[in-house]
Amino acid sequence: MTLTVPAHAPDARDKPAGRIRQKNEEAILAAAEEEFARHGFKGTSMNTIAQNVGLPKANLHYYFGNKLGLYTAVLSNILELWDGTFNTLGPGDDPAEALAGYIRAKMEFSRRYPLASRIFAMEIISGGECLTAHFNQDYRSWFRGRAAVFEGWIAAGRMDPVDPVHLIFLLWGSTQHYADFATQIGLVTGRKRLSKQDFAAATENLVRIILKGCGLTPPAA
């Protein structure tokens, strides 16, 4: 099973006005990620984001309503990427192929979108007030459905018995670590930034460690 990493933006619109709006929204979201990751929600100014993106402040309010709306959009973007990728795992998949594909996709998100991941981490650490609506009963039902996929594989003897909930936490934490704690990794390794090759090596290490812990043989990259 091969997972692809979707674009970190909405689909293109057909009409010229729609394409202009999409371009503006993408530029605003990118500038917002930079500011929210550097200063947090409270320390970020809509004026600064507008200046950085080269648009009037009124445009930001037109597209996103207010600062909270923009902040929520940044959080929603990364959650849609993460959750959308997790949705592709199904009972009929080969567990080793599916898990390896998911780990590789999540690590690619950490490499390509580290700022959004850090903003999410900061929001969770601060109490997750802005994510209350997201983590509702529907989300908990969705999460149980994801855990049920692993339970099915275990019941069928296709992987070793492990607690699916804690396995999911391990998958999330280990892959997001490379975005959220990039500074610590850099200080320990003596590198300013991990290269694409570094990420590839780290990814395959995670694949081997996690899959072997589940009694699975890691598939070739």
N, C-alpha and C. Protein backbone atom coordinates (compact mmCIF):
# COMPACT_ATOMS: atom_id res chain seq x y z
N MET A 1 0.86 -1.20 0.00
CA MET A 1 0.00 0.00 0.00
C MET A 1 0.88 1.24 0.00
N THR A 2 0.66 2.14 -0.95
CA THR A 2 1.44 3.36 -1.04
C THR A 2 0.55 4.56 -0.74
N LEU A 3 0.96 5.36 0.24
CA LEU A 3 0.22 6.56 0.57
C LEU A 3 0.88 7.75 -0.10
N THR A 4 0.09 8.62 -0.69
CA THR A 4 0.63 9.83 -1.29
C THR A 4 0.38 11.00 -0.36
N VAL A 5 1.26 11.98 -0.40
CA VAL A 5 1.14 13.16 0.43
C VAL A 5 0.42 14.24 -0.36
N PRO A 6 -0.81 14.60 0.01
CA PRO A 6 -1.55 15.61 -0.74
C PRO A 6 -0.98 17.00 -0.53
N ALA A 7 -1.39 17.90 -1.40
CA ALA A 7 -0.94 19.29 -1.29
C ALA A 7 -1.49 19.93 -0.03
N HIS A 8 -0.74 20.84 0.53
CA HIS A 8 -1.11 21.52 1.77
C HIS A 8 -1.94 22.75 1.44
N ALA A 9 -3.02 22.54 0.70
CA ALA A 9 -3.84 23.66 0.24
C ALA A 9 -5.13 23.12 -0.35
N PRO A 10 -6.15 23.97 -0.49
CA PRO A 10 -7.41 23.53 -1.11
C PRO A 10 -7.21 23.22 -2.58
N ASP A 11 -8.17 22.47 -3.17
CA ASP A 11 -8.11 22.18 -4.59
C ASP A 11 -8.31 23.48 -5.38
N ALA A 12 -7.73 23.51 -6.56
CA ALA A 12 -7.85 24.70 -7.40
C ALA A 12 -9.29 24.88 -7.87
N ARG A 13 -9.75 26.10 -7.96
CA ARG A 13 -11.07 26.39 -8.49
C ARG A 13 -10.97 26.57 -10.00
N ASP A 14 -12.10 26.36 -10.68
CA ASP A 14 -12.09 26.48 -12.13
C ASP A 14 -12.12 27.92 -12.58
N LYS A 15 -12.90 28.77 -11.90
CA LYS A 15 -13.06 30.15 -12.34
C LYS A 15 -11.85 30.99 -11.95
N PRO A 16 -11.50 32.01 -12.78
CA PRO A 16 -10.36 32.88 -12.46
C PRO A 16 -10.46 33.50 -11.08
N ALA A 17 -11.66 33.96 -10.69
CA ALA A 17 -11.84 34.58 -9.37
C ALA A 17 -11.54 33.57 -8.27
N GLY A 18 -11.92 32.33 -8.51
CA GLY A 18 -11.66 31.29 -7.53
C GLY A 18 -10.18 31.00 -7.40
N ARG A 19 -9.47 31.05 -8.53
CA ARG A 19 -8.02 30.80 -8.49
C ARG A 19 -7.29 31.92 -7.77
N ILE A 20 -7.77 33.15 -7.97
CA ILE A 20 -7.17 34.29 -7.27
C ILE A 20 -7.39 34.16 -5.78
N ARG A 21 -8.60 33.79 -5.42
CA ARG A 21 -8.91 33.61 -3.99
C ARG A 21 -8.02 32.51 -3.40
N GLN A 22 -7.89 31.39 -4.11
CA GLN A 22 -7.06 30.30 -3.60
C GLN A 22 -5.62 30.76 -3.42
N LYS A 23 -5.10 31.48 -4.40
CA LYS A 23 -3.71 31.96 -4.32
C LYS A 23 -3.54 32.87 -3.11
N ASN A 24 -4.49 33.77 -2.90
CA ASN A 24 -4.42 34.67 -1.75
C ASN A 24 -4.51 33.91 -0.43
N GLU A 25 -5.43 32.95 -0.37
CA GLU A 25 -5.59 32.18 0.85
C GLU A 25 -4.33 31.38 1.17
N GLU A 26 -3.72 30.78 0.15
CA GLU A 26 -2.49 30.02 0.35
C GLU A 26 -1.38 30.92 0.88
N ALA A 27 -1.26 32.12 0.30
CA ALA A 27 -0.22 33.06 0.73
C ALA A 27 -0.47 33.51 2.17
N ILE A 28 -1.71 33.77 2.51
CA ILE A 28 -2.06 34.20 3.88
C ILE A 28 -1.77 33.08 4.87
N LEU A 29 -2.17 31.86 4.54
CA LEU A 29 -1.94 30.73 5.44
C LEU A 29 -0.45 30.49 5.66
N ALA A 30 0.34 30.60 4.59
CA ALA A 30 1.79 30.40 4.72
C ALA A 30 2.40 31.46 5.64
N ALA A 31 2.01 32.72 5.45
CA ALA A 31 2.52 33.81 6.29
C ALA A 31 2.04 33.64 7.72
N ALA A 32 0.79 33.19 7.88
CA ALA A 32 0.24 32.99 9.23
C ALA A 32 0.98 31.89 9.97
N GLU A 33 1.33 30.81 9.26
CA GLU A 33 2.09 29.73 9.88
C GLU A 33 3.39 30.26 10.47
N GLU A 34 4.08 31.08 9.69
CA GLU A 34 5.35 31.65 10.15
C GLU A 34 5.15 32.44 11.44
N GLU A 35 4.14 33.28 11.46
CA GLU A 35 3.91 34.15 12.62
C GLU A 35 3.40 33.39 13.84
N PHE A 36 2.45 32.50 13.63
CA PHE A 36 1.91 31.74 14.76
C PHE A 36 2.98 30.81 15.35
N ALA A 37 3.82 30.24 14.49
CA ALA A 37 4.88 29.35 14.99
C ALA A 37 5.92 30.13 15.78
N ARG A 38 6.17 31.38 15.38
CA ARG A 38 7.19 32.20 16.05
C ARG A 38 6.66 32.87 17.31
N HIS A 39 5.43 33.36 17.26
CA HIS A 39 4.92 34.21 18.35
C HIS A 39 3.72 33.63 19.10
N GLY A 40 3.18 32.52 18.63
CA GLY A 40 1.98 31.99 19.26
C GLY A 40 0.75 32.79 18.86
N PHE A 41 -0.43 32.35 19.31
CA PHE A 41 -1.66 33.02 18.92
C PHE A 41 -1.72 34.45 19.47
N LYS A 42 -1.46 34.60 20.76
CA LYS A 42 -1.59 35.91 21.39
C LYS A 42 -0.59 36.92 20.85
N GLY A 43 0.61 36.46 20.53
CA GLY A 43 1.66 37.38 20.10
C GLY A 43 1.65 37.70 18.62
N THR A 44 0.73 37.09 17.89
CA THR A 44 0.68 37.31 16.44
C THR A 44 -0.27 38.45 16.08
N SER A 45 0.16 39.26 15.14
CA SER A 45 -0.62 40.42 14.70
C SER A 45 -1.12 40.21 13.27
N MET A 46 -2.39 40.48 13.05
CA MET A 46 -2.94 40.40 11.69
C MET A 46 -2.27 41.44 10.79
N ASN A 47 -1.89 42.58 11.36
CA ASN A 47 -1.19 43.60 10.57
C ASN A 47 0.12 43.06 10.03
N THR A 48 0.87 42.36 10.88
CA THR A 48 2.16 41.81 10.45
C THR A 48 1.97 40.76 9.36
N ILE A 49 0.98 39.90 9.51
CA ILE A 49 0.72 38.89 8.49
C ILE A 49 0.37 39.57 7.17
N ALA A 50 -0.47 40.59 7.23
CA ALA A 50 -0.87 41.31 6.01
C ALA A 50 0.34 41.95 5.33
N GLN A 51 1.22 42.55 6.13
CA GLN A 51 2.43 43.17 5.58
C GLN A 51 3.33 42.12 4.94
N ASN A 52 3.49 40.99 5.61
CA ASN A 52 4.37 39.94 5.10
C ASN A 52 3.87 39.32 3.80
N VAL A 53 2.55 39.26 3.65
CA VAL A 53 1.98 38.66 2.46
C VAL A 53 1.72 39.69 1.36
N GLY A 54 1.81 40.98 1.71
CA GLY A 54 1.63 42.03 0.72
C GLY A 54 0.18 42.25 0.32
N LEU A 55 -0.73 42.04 1.28
CA LEU A 55 -2.16 42.25 1.02
C LEU A 55 -2.72 43.20 2.08
N PRO A 56 -3.79 43.90 1.75
CA PRO A 56 -4.43 44.74 2.78
C PRO A 56 -4.96 43.87 3.93
N LYS A 57 -4.93 44.42 5.12
CA LYS A 57 -5.45 43.68 6.28
C LYS A 57 -6.91 43.28 6.07
N ALA A 58 -7.65 44.12 5.34
CA ALA A 58 -9.06 43.83 5.08
C ALA A 58 -9.23 42.50 4.34
N ASN A 59 -8.25 42.14 3.49
CA ASN A 59 -8.34 40.88 2.76
C ASN A 59 -8.29 39.68 3.71
N LEU A 60 -7.46 39.79 4.75
CA LEU A 60 -7.35 38.70 5.72
C LEU A 60 -8.70 38.49 6.42
N HIS A 61 -9.34 39.61 6.79
CA HIS A 61 -10.63 39.52 7.46
C HIS A 61 -11.71 39.03 6.49
N TYR A 62 -11.58 39.37 5.23
CA TYR A 62 -12.54 38.92 4.22
C TYR A 62 -12.50 37.40 4.06
N TYR A 63 -11.27 36.86 3.99
CA TYR A 63 -11.12 35.43 3.76
C TYR A 63 -11.31 34.60 5.04
N PHE A 64 -10.88 35.11 6.18
CA PHE A 64 -10.86 34.28 7.39
C PHE A 64 -11.65 34.86 8.58
N GLY A 65 -12.23 36.02 8.42
CA GLY A 65 -13.06 36.60 9.47
C GLY A 65 -12.26 37.39 10.49
N ASN A 66 -11.43 36.72 11.26
CA ASN A 66 -10.62 37.37 12.28
C ASN A 66 -9.39 36.51 12.56
N LYS A 67 -8.60 36.91 13.53
CA LYS A 67 -7.37 36.18 13.84
C LYS A 67 -7.67 34.76 14.27
N LEU A 68 -8.70 34.57 15.06
CA LEU A 68 -9.06 33.23 15.52
C LEU A 68 -9.47 32.35 14.33
N GLY A 69 -10.19 32.94 13.38
CA GLY A 69 -10.58 32.18 12.19
C GLY A 69 -9.38 31.75 11.38
N LEU A 70 -8.39 32.64 11.26
CA LEU A 70 -7.17 32.31 10.53
C LEU A 70 -6.36 31.24 11.27
N TYR A 71 -6.26 31.39 12.57
CA TYR A 71 -5.54 30.41 13.41
C TYR A 71 -6.19 29.04 13.31
N THR A 72 -7.51 29.02 13.37
CA THR A 72 -8.24 27.75 13.26
C THR A 72 -8.03 27.11 11.89
N ALA A 73 -7.96 27.94 10.85
CA ALA A 73 -7.73 27.42 9.50
C ALA A 73 -6.36 26.77 9.39
N VAL A 74 -5.35 27.35 10.02
CA VAL A 74 -4.01 26.77 10.02
C VAL A 74 -4.03 25.42 10.73
N LEU A 75 -4.71 25.35 11.88
CA LEU A 75 -4.81 24.09 12.61
C LEU A 75 -5.59 23.04 11.80
N SER A 76 -6.67 23.48 11.18
CA SER A 76 -7.50 22.55 10.40
C SER A 76 -6.74 21.97 9.22
N ASN A 77 -5.88 22.79 8.61
CA ASN A 77 -5.10 22.33 7.46
C ASN A 77 -4.27 21.11 7.80
N ILE A 78 -3.51 21.19 8.89
CA ILE A 78 -2.62 20.07 9.23
C ILE A 78 -3.43 18.87 9.71
N LEU A 79 -4.53 19.12 10.43
CA LEU A 79 -5.36 18.01 10.90
C LEU A 79 -6.01 17.27 9.74
N GLU A 80 -6.41 18.01 8.72
CA GLU A 80 -7.01 17.37 7.55
C GLU A 80 -5.99 16.50 6.82
N LEU A 81 -4.75 16.97 6.76
CA LEU A 81 -3.69 16.16 6.14
C LEU A 81 -3.46 14.89 6.95
N TRP A 82 -3.24 15.04 8.25
CA TRP A 82 -2.97 13.90 9.12
C TRP A 82 -4.13 12.90 9.10
N ASP A 83 -5.34 13.38 9.37
CA ASP A 83 -6.48 12.49 9.50
C ASP A 83 -6.87 11.87 8.16
N GLY A 84 -6.73 12.66 7.09
CA GLY A 84 -7.05 12.13 5.77
C GLY A 84 -6.16 10.97 5.40
N THR A 85 -4.89 11.05 5.75
CA THR A 85 -3.95 9.96 5.46
C THR A 85 -4.29 8.73 6.29
N PHE A 86 -4.68 8.94 7.54
CA PHE A 86 -5.01 7.82 8.43
C PHE A 86 -6.28 7.11 7.94
N ASN A 87 -7.16 7.85 7.28
CA ASN A 87 -8.40 7.28 6.78
C ASN A 87 -8.18 6.21 5.72
N THR A 88 -7.01 6.22 5.09
CA THR A 88 -6.77 5.28 3.99
C THR A 88 -6.45 3.88 4.49
N LEU A 89 -6.16 3.71 5.78
CA LEU A 89 -5.89 2.38 6.32
C LEU A 89 -7.20 1.62 6.46
N GLY A 90 -7.27 0.41 5.92
CA GLY A 90 -8.50 -0.37 5.98
C GLY A 90 -8.26 -1.81 6.38
N PRO A 91 -9.29 -2.51 6.83
CA PRO A 91 -9.16 -3.90 7.29
C PRO A 91 -8.56 -4.84 6.25
N GLY A 92 -8.82 -4.55 4.97
CA GLY A 92 -8.30 -5.44 3.92
C GLY A 92 -6.85 -5.20 3.54
N ASP A 93 -6.25 -4.15 4.09
CA ASP A 93 -4.86 -3.83 3.75
C ASP A 93 -3.89 -4.80 4.41
N ASP A 94 -2.72 -4.93 3.81
CA ASP A 94 -1.64 -5.66 4.46
C ASP A 94 -1.11 -4.78 5.59
N PRO A 95 -1.10 -5.26 6.84
CA PRO A 95 -0.70 -4.41 7.97
C PRO A 95 0.69 -3.81 7.83
N ALA A 96 1.65 -4.59 7.35
CA ALA A 96 3.01 -4.07 7.22
C ALA A 96 3.07 -2.96 6.18
N GLU A 97 2.45 -3.17 5.04
CA GLU A 97 2.45 -2.17 3.98
C GLU A 97 1.70 -0.90 4.42
N ALA A 98 0.56 -1.11 5.08
CA ALA A 98 -0.26 0.03 5.50
C ALA A 98 0.45 0.86 6.56
N LEU A 99 1.02 0.20 7.57
CA LEU A 99 1.71 0.93 8.63
C LEU A 99 2.94 1.64 8.10
N ALA A 100 3.71 0.96 7.28
CA ALA A 100 4.92 1.58 6.71
C ALA A 100 4.54 2.79 5.86
N GLY A 101 3.48 2.67 5.07
CA GLY A 101 3.04 3.78 4.23
C GLY A 101 2.58 4.97 5.06
N TYR A 102 1.88 4.67 6.15
CA TYR A 102 1.40 5.75 7.01
C TYR A 102 2.56 6.46 7.69
N ILE A 103 3.52 5.72 8.21
CA ILE A 103 4.69 6.32 8.86
C ILE A 103 5.46 7.20 7.87
N ARG A 104 5.64 6.70 6.66
CA ARG A 104 6.38 7.47 5.65
C ARG A 104 5.62 8.75 5.29
N ALA A 105 4.30 8.67 5.18
CA ALA A 105 3.52 9.86 4.86
C ALA A 105 3.59 10.88 6.00
N LYS A 106 3.45 10.41 7.24
CA LYS A 106 3.50 11.32 8.38
C LYS A 106 4.87 11.98 8.51
N MET A 107 5.92 11.24 8.24
CA MET A 107 7.25 11.84 8.29
C MET A 107 7.44 12.87 7.18
N GLU A 108 6.83 12.62 6.05
CA GLU A 108 6.91 13.60 4.97
C GLU A 108 6.17 14.88 5.34
N PHE A 109 5.05 14.73 6.05
CA PHE A 109 4.37 15.92 6.55
C PHE A 109 5.28 16.70 7.49
N SER A 110 5.99 15.99 8.38
CA SER A 110 6.87 16.67 9.33
C SER A 110 8.00 17.39 8.61
N ARG A 111 8.46 16.81 7.53
CA ARG A 111 9.53 17.46 6.75
C ARG A 111 9.02 18.67 6.00
N ARG A 112 7.85 18.54 5.39
CA ARG A 112 7.35 19.61 4.52
C ARG A 112 6.58 20.70 5.25
N TYR A 113 5.92 20.34 6.34
CA TYR A 113 5.06 21.30 7.04
C TYR A 113 5.38 21.36 8.53
N PRO A 114 6.63 21.60 8.90
CA PRO A 114 7.00 21.60 10.32
C PRO A 114 6.33 22.70 11.13
N LEU A 115 6.12 23.86 10.52
CA LEU A 115 5.54 24.98 11.27
C LEU A 115 4.11 24.67 11.71
N ALA A 116 3.32 24.12 10.80
CA ALA A 116 1.94 23.79 11.15
C ALA A 116 1.90 22.75 12.27
N SER A 117 2.81 21.78 12.21
CA SER A 117 2.87 20.77 13.27
C SER A 117 3.22 21.39 14.61
N ARG A 118 4.15 22.34 14.61
CA ARG A 118 4.55 23.00 15.86
C ARG A 118 3.41 23.86 16.43
N ILE A 119 2.67 24.50 15.55
CA ILE A 119 1.53 25.31 16.01
C ILE A 119 0.50 24.40 16.68
N PHE A 120 0.25 23.25 16.07
CA PHE A 120 -0.67 22.28 16.67
C PHE A 120 -0.16 21.83 18.04
N ALA A 121 1.13 21.53 18.12
CA ALA A 121 1.72 21.07 19.40
C ALA A 121 1.58 22.16 20.47
N MET A 122 1.86 23.41 20.10
CA MET A 122 1.75 24.51 21.07
C MET A 122 0.31 24.67 21.55
N GLU A 123 -0.64 24.51 20.63
CA GLU A 123 -2.05 24.63 21.00
C GLU A 123 -2.44 23.52 21.98
N ILE A 124 -2.01 22.31 21.72
CA ILE A 124 -2.33 21.19 22.61
C ILE A 124 -1.68 21.40 23.98
N ILE A 125 -0.41 21.81 23.99
CA ILE A 125 0.30 22.02 25.26
C ILE A 125 -0.38 23.11 26.09
N SER A 126 -0.95 24.11 25.42
CA SER A 126 -1.58 25.22 26.13
C SER A 126 -3.03 24.92 26.54
N GLY A 127 -3.48 23.70 26.27
CA GLY A 127 -4.82 23.31 26.71
C GLY A 127 -5.79 22.94 25.61
N GLY A 128 -5.44 23.28 24.35
CA GLY A 128 -6.26 22.88 23.21
C GLY A 128 -7.63 23.54 23.13
N GLU A 129 -7.76 24.74 23.70
CA GLU A 129 -9.06 25.41 23.72
C GLU A 129 -9.62 25.62 22.31
N CYS A 130 -8.74 25.93 21.37
CA CYS A 130 -9.20 26.21 20.01
C CYS A 130 -9.48 24.93 19.22
N LEU A 131 -9.23 23.78 19.82
CA LEU A 131 -9.48 22.51 19.14
C LEU A 131 -10.64 21.75 19.75
N THR A 132 -11.32 22.37 20.72
CA THR A 132 -12.42 21.69 21.40
C THR A 132 -13.49 21.23 20.41
N ALA A 133 -13.82 22.08 19.46
CA ALA A 133 -14.85 21.74 18.49
C ALA A 133 -14.42 20.59 17.59
N HIS A 134 -13.12 20.50 17.34
CA HIS A 134 -12.61 19.43 16.46
C HIS A 134 -12.65 18.08 17.18
N PHE A 135 -12.16 18.07 18.42
CA PHE A 135 -12.08 16.81 19.17
C PHE A 135 -13.41 16.53 19.89
N ASN A 136 -14.45 16.39 19.10
CA ASN A 136 -15.79 16.17 19.64
C ASN A 136 -16.15 14.69 19.59
N GLN A 137 -17.43 14.38 19.81
CA GLN A 137 -17.86 12.98 19.82
C GLN A 137 -17.64 12.32 18.47
N ASP A 138 -17.83 13.06 17.39
CA ASP A 138 -17.59 12.50 16.06
C ASP A 138 -16.13 12.10 15.89
N TYR A 139 -15.24 12.94 16.39
CA TYR A 139 -13.81 12.63 16.28
C TYR A 139 -13.47 11.38 17.11
N ARG A 140 -14.05 11.30 18.31
CA ARG A 140 -13.77 10.13 19.16
C ARG A 140 -14.30 8.86 18.51
N SER A 141 -15.44 8.96 17.83
CA SER A 141 -15.97 7.80 17.11
C SER A 141 -15.05 7.44 15.95
N TRP A 142 -14.56 8.47 15.26
CA TRP A 142 -13.61 8.23 14.17
C TRP A 142 -12.35 7.54 14.70
N PHE A 143 -11.85 8.01 15.84
CA PHE A 143 -10.65 7.42 16.43
C PHE A 143 -10.88 5.95 16.77
N ARG A 144 -12.03 5.64 17.35
CA ARG A 144 -12.33 4.24 17.69
C ARG A 144 -12.39 3.38 16.42
N GLY A 145 -12.88 3.98 15.34
CA GLY A 145 -12.90 3.26 14.07
C GLY A 145 -11.51 2.96 13.56
N ARG A 146 -10.58 3.91 13.76
CA ARG A 146 -9.19 3.67 13.35
C ARG A 146 -8.57 2.57 14.21
N ALA A 147 -8.84 2.61 15.52
CA ALA A 147 -8.31 1.57 16.41
C ALA A 147 -8.89 0.21 16.04
N ALA A 148 -10.13 0.18 15.58
CA ALA A 148 -10.78 -1.08 15.23
C ALA A 148 -10.08 -1.78 14.06
N VAL A 149 -9.46 -1.00 13.17
CA VAL A 149 -8.71 -1.60 12.07
C VAL A 149 -7.57 -2.45 12.62
N PHE A 150 -6.85 -1.91 13.59
CA PHE A 150 -5.75 -2.66 14.21
C PHE A 150 -6.28 -3.87 14.98
N GLU A 151 -7.40 -3.68 15.66
CA GLU A 151 -8.01 -4.79 16.41
C GLU A 151 -8.36 -5.93 15.47
N GLY A 152 -8.85 -5.59 14.27
CA GLY A 152 -9.20 -6.61 13.29
C GLY A 152 -7.97 -7.37 12.82
N TRP A 153 -6.89 -6.64 12.56
CA TRP A 153 -5.65 -7.30 12.15
C TRP A 153 -5.14 -8.24 13.24
N ILE A 154 -5.23 -7.78 14.49
CA ILE A 154 -4.76 -8.59 15.62
C ILE A 154 -5.62 -9.84 15.77
N ALA A 155 -6.93 -9.66 15.71
CA ALA A 155 -7.85 -10.80 15.86
C ALA A 155 -7.64 -11.84 14.77
N ALA A 156 -7.24 -11.39 13.59
CA ALA A 156 -7.01 -12.30 12.47
C ALA A 156 -5.61 -12.90 12.50
N GLY A 157 -4.82 -12.55 13.51
CA GLY A 157 -3.47 -13.07 13.61
C GLY A 157 -2.49 -12.48 12.61
N ARG A 158 -2.83 -11.31 12.10
CA ARG A 158 -1.99 -10.68 11.07
C ARG A 158 -0.92 -9.77 11.67
N MET A 159 -1.02 -9.48 12.95
CA MET A 159 0.03 -8.75 13.66
C MET A 159 -0.04 -9.12 15.14
N ASP A 160 1.03 -8.87 15.87
CA ASP A 160 1.07 -9.23 17.29
C ASP A 160 0.05 -8.41 18.08
N PRO A 161 -0.42 -8.96 19.20
CA PRO A 161 -1.35 -8.21 20.05
C PRO A 161 -0.66 -7.00 20.69
N VAL A 162 -1.13 -5.83 20.38
CA VAL A 162 -0.68 -4.59 21.00
C VAL A 162 -1.92 -3.76 21.29
N ASP A 163 -1.81 -2.80 22.18
CA ASP A 163 -2.93 -1.91 22.45
C ASP A 163 -3.03 -0.91 21.29
N PRO A 164 -4.10 -0.97 20.47
CA PRO A 164 -4.19 -0.08 19.31
C PRO A 164 -4.15 1.39 19.66
N VAL A 165 -4.77 1.77 20.78
CA VAL A 165 -4.79 3.18 21.16
C VAL A 165 -3.38 3.69 21.39
N HIS A 166 -2.59 2.93 22.14
CA HIS A 166 -1.23 3.37 22.43
C HIS A 166 -0.33 3.26 21.20
N LEU A 167 -0.64 2.32 20.31
CA LEU A 167 0.10 2.24 19.06
C LEU A 167 -0.13 3.51 18.24
N ILE A 168 -1.37 3.97 18.18
CA ILE A 168 -1.68 5.20 17.44
C ILE A 168 -0.96 6.39 18.06
N PHE A 169 -0.97 6.46 19.41
CA PHE A 169 -0.24 7.55 20.06
C PHE A 169 1.24 7.50 19.71
N LEU A 170 1.80 6.29 19.66
CA LEU A 170 3.21 6.13 19.30
C LEU A 170 3.46 6.59 17.87
N LEU A 171 2.57 6.23 16.97
CA LEU A 171 2.71 6.65 15.57
C LEU A 171 2.68 8.17 15.45
N TRP A 172 1.73 8.79 16.13
CA TRP A 172 1.62 10.25 16.08
C TRP A 172 2.85 10.92 16.71
N GLY A 173 3.19 10.49 17.92
CA GLY A 173 4.27 11.16 18.65
C GLY A 173 5.63 11.01 17.98
N SER A 174 5.94 9.81 17.51
CA SER A 174 7.26 9.57 16.93
C SER A 174 7.46 10.33 15.62
N THR A 175 6.42 10.41 14.81
CA THR A 175 6.56 11.10 13.52
C THR A 175 6.53 12.62 13.68
N GLN A 176 5.68 13.12 14.56
CA GLN A 176 5.59 14.57 14.76
C GLN A 176 6.79 15.12 15.54
N HIS A 177 7.50 14.26 16.24
CA HIS A 177 8.69 14.67 16.98
C HIS A 177 9.69 15.38 16.07
N TYR A 178 9.81 14.91 14.84
CA TYR A 178 10.83 15.44 13.93
C TYR A 178 10.49 16.84 13.44
N ALA A 179 9.25 17.27 13.62
CA ALA A 179 8.87 18.65 13.33
C ALA A 179 8.88 19.48 14.61
N ASP A 180 8.22 18.95 15.65
CA ASP A 180 8.02 19.73 16.88
C ASP A 180 9.31 19.95 17.66
N PHE A 181 10.22 18.99 17.60
CA PHE A 181 11.46 19.08 18.37
C PHE A 181 12.68 19.16 17.47
N ALA A 182 12.50 19.81 16.33
CA ALA A 182 13.60 19.95 15.37
C ALA A 182 14.79 20.68 15.99
N THR A 183 14.52 21.65 16.85
CA THR A 183 15.61 22.39 17.50
C THR A 183 16.44 21.46 18.38
N GLN A 184 15.78 20.63 19.17
CA GLN A 184 16.49 19.68 20.02
C GLN A 184 17.30 18.70 19.17
N ILE A 185 16.71 18.20 18.10
CA ILE A 185 17.41 17.27 17.22
C ILE A 185 18.65 17.94 16.63
N GLY A 186 18.50 19.21 16.23
CA GLY A 186 19.64 19.94 15.68
C GLY A 186 20.76 20.12 16.69
N LEU A 187 20.38 20.44 17.94
CA LEU A 187 21.39 20.64 18.98
C LEU A 187 22.12 19.34 19.30
N VAL A 188 21.40 18.24 19.30
CA VAL A 188 22.01 16.94 19.62
C VAL A 188 22.89 16.45 18.48
N THR A 189 22.42 16.62 17.25
CA THR A 189 23.17 16.11 16.10
C THR A 189 24.21 17.09 15.57
N GLY A 190 24.15 18.34 16.03
CA GLY A 190 25.08 19.33 15.54
C GLY A 190 24.75 19.84 14.15
N ARG A 191 23.51 19.68 13.74
CA ARG A 191 23.09 20.14 12.42
C ARG A 191 22.02 21.22 12.57
N LYS A 192 22.11 22.21 11.71
CA LYS A 192 21.11 23.27 11.74
C LYS A 192 19.75 22.73 11.35
N ARG A 193 19.75 21.85 10.38
CA ARG A 193 18.49 21.33 9.84
C ARG A 193 18.72 19.97 9.23
N LEU A 194 17.78 19.06 9.44
CA LEU A 194 17.89 17.73 8.84
C LEU A 194 17.63 17.82 7.34
N SER A 195 18.44 17.13 6.59
CA SER A 195 18.28 17.10 5.14
C SER A 195 17.19 16.10 4.75
N LYS A 196 16.85 16.09 3.48
CA LYS A 196 15.87 15.13 2.98
C LYS A 196 16.39 13.71 3.20
N GLN A 197 17.70 13.52 3.04
CA GLN A 197 18.29 12.21 3.25
C GLN A 197 18.23 11.80 4.73
N ASP A 198 18.43 12.78 5.63
CA ASP A 198 18.32 12.51 7.06
C ASP A 198 16.90 12.05 7.41
N PHE A 199 15.92 12.73 6.83
CA PHE A 199 14.53 12.36 7.08
C PHE A 199 14.26 10.95 6.55
N ALA A 200 14.80 10.64 5.38
CA ALA A 200 14.58 9.31 4.81
C ALA A 200 15.15 8.23 5.71
N ALA A 201 16.36 8.47 6.25
CA ALA A 201 16.99 7.50 7.15
C ALA A 201 16.18 7.36 8.44
N ALA A 202 15.75 8.50 9.00
CA ALA A 202 14.96 8.46 10.23
C ALA A 202 13.63 7.74 9.99
N THR A 203 13.05 7.97 8.84
CA THR A 203 11.77 7.34 8.51
C THR A 203 11.90 5.82 8.48
N GLU A 204 12.93 5.33 7.79
CA GLU A 204 13.08 3.88 7.69
C GLU A 204 13.44 3.25 9.04
N ASN A 205 14.14 3.99 9.89
CA ASN A 205 14.39 3.51 11.25
C ASN A 205 13.08 3.35 12.01
N LEU A 206 12.21 4.36 11.92
CA LEU A 206 10.92 4.28 12.59
C LEU A 206 10.09 3.11 12.05
N VAL A 207 10.11 2.95 10.74
CA VAL A 207 9.37 1.83 10.13
C VAL A 207 9.85 0.51 10.71
N ARG A 208 11.17 0.32 10.78
CA ARG A 208 11.70 -0.94 11.30
C ARG A 208 11.35 -1.14 12.78
N ILE A 209 11.57 -0.10 13.58
CA ILE A 209 11.33 -0.22 15.03
C ILE A 209 9.86 -0.49 15.34
N ILE A 210 8.97 0.28 14.74
CA ILE A 210 7.55 0.15 15.05
C ILE A 210 6.98 -1.16 14.49
N LEU A 211 7.31 -1.48 13.26
CA LEU A 211 6.75 -2.70 12.68
C LEU A 211 7.27 -3.96 13.37
N LYS A 212 8.55 -3.98 13.72
CA LYS A 212 9.07 -5.15 14.43
C LYS A 212 8.42 -5.28 15.81
N GLY A 213 8.08 -4.15 16.43
CA GLY A 213 7.38 -4.19 17.70
C GLY A 213 5.97 -4.73 17.58
N CYS A 214 5.46 -4.73 16.34
CA CYS A 214 4.13 -5.27 16.08
C CYS A 214 4.19 -6.68 15.48
N GLY A 215 5.42 -7.22 15.43
CA GLY A 215 5.59 -8.56 14.87
C GLY A 215 5.46 -8.59 13.36
N LEU A 216 5.77 -7.48 12.69
CA LEU A 216 5.64 -7.38 11.25
C LEU A 216 7.01 -7.23 10.58
N THR A 217 7.11 -7.69 9.36
CA THR A 217 8.34 -7.54 8.59
C THR A 217 8.25 -6.26 7.77
N PRO A 218 9.18 -5.32 7.99
CA PRO A 218 9.11 -4.06 7.25
C PRO A 218 9.27 -4.28 5.75
N PRO A 219 8.36 -3.69 4.95
CA PRO A 219 8.49 -3.81 3.49
C PRO A 219 9.58 -2.88 2.98
N ALA A 220 10.05 -3.16 1.78
CA ALA A 220 11.07 -2.30 1.17
C ALA A 220 10.49 -0.92 0.92
N ALA A 221 11.35 0.09 1.03
CA ALA A 221 10.91 1.48 0.82
C ALA A 221 10.53 1.68 -0.64
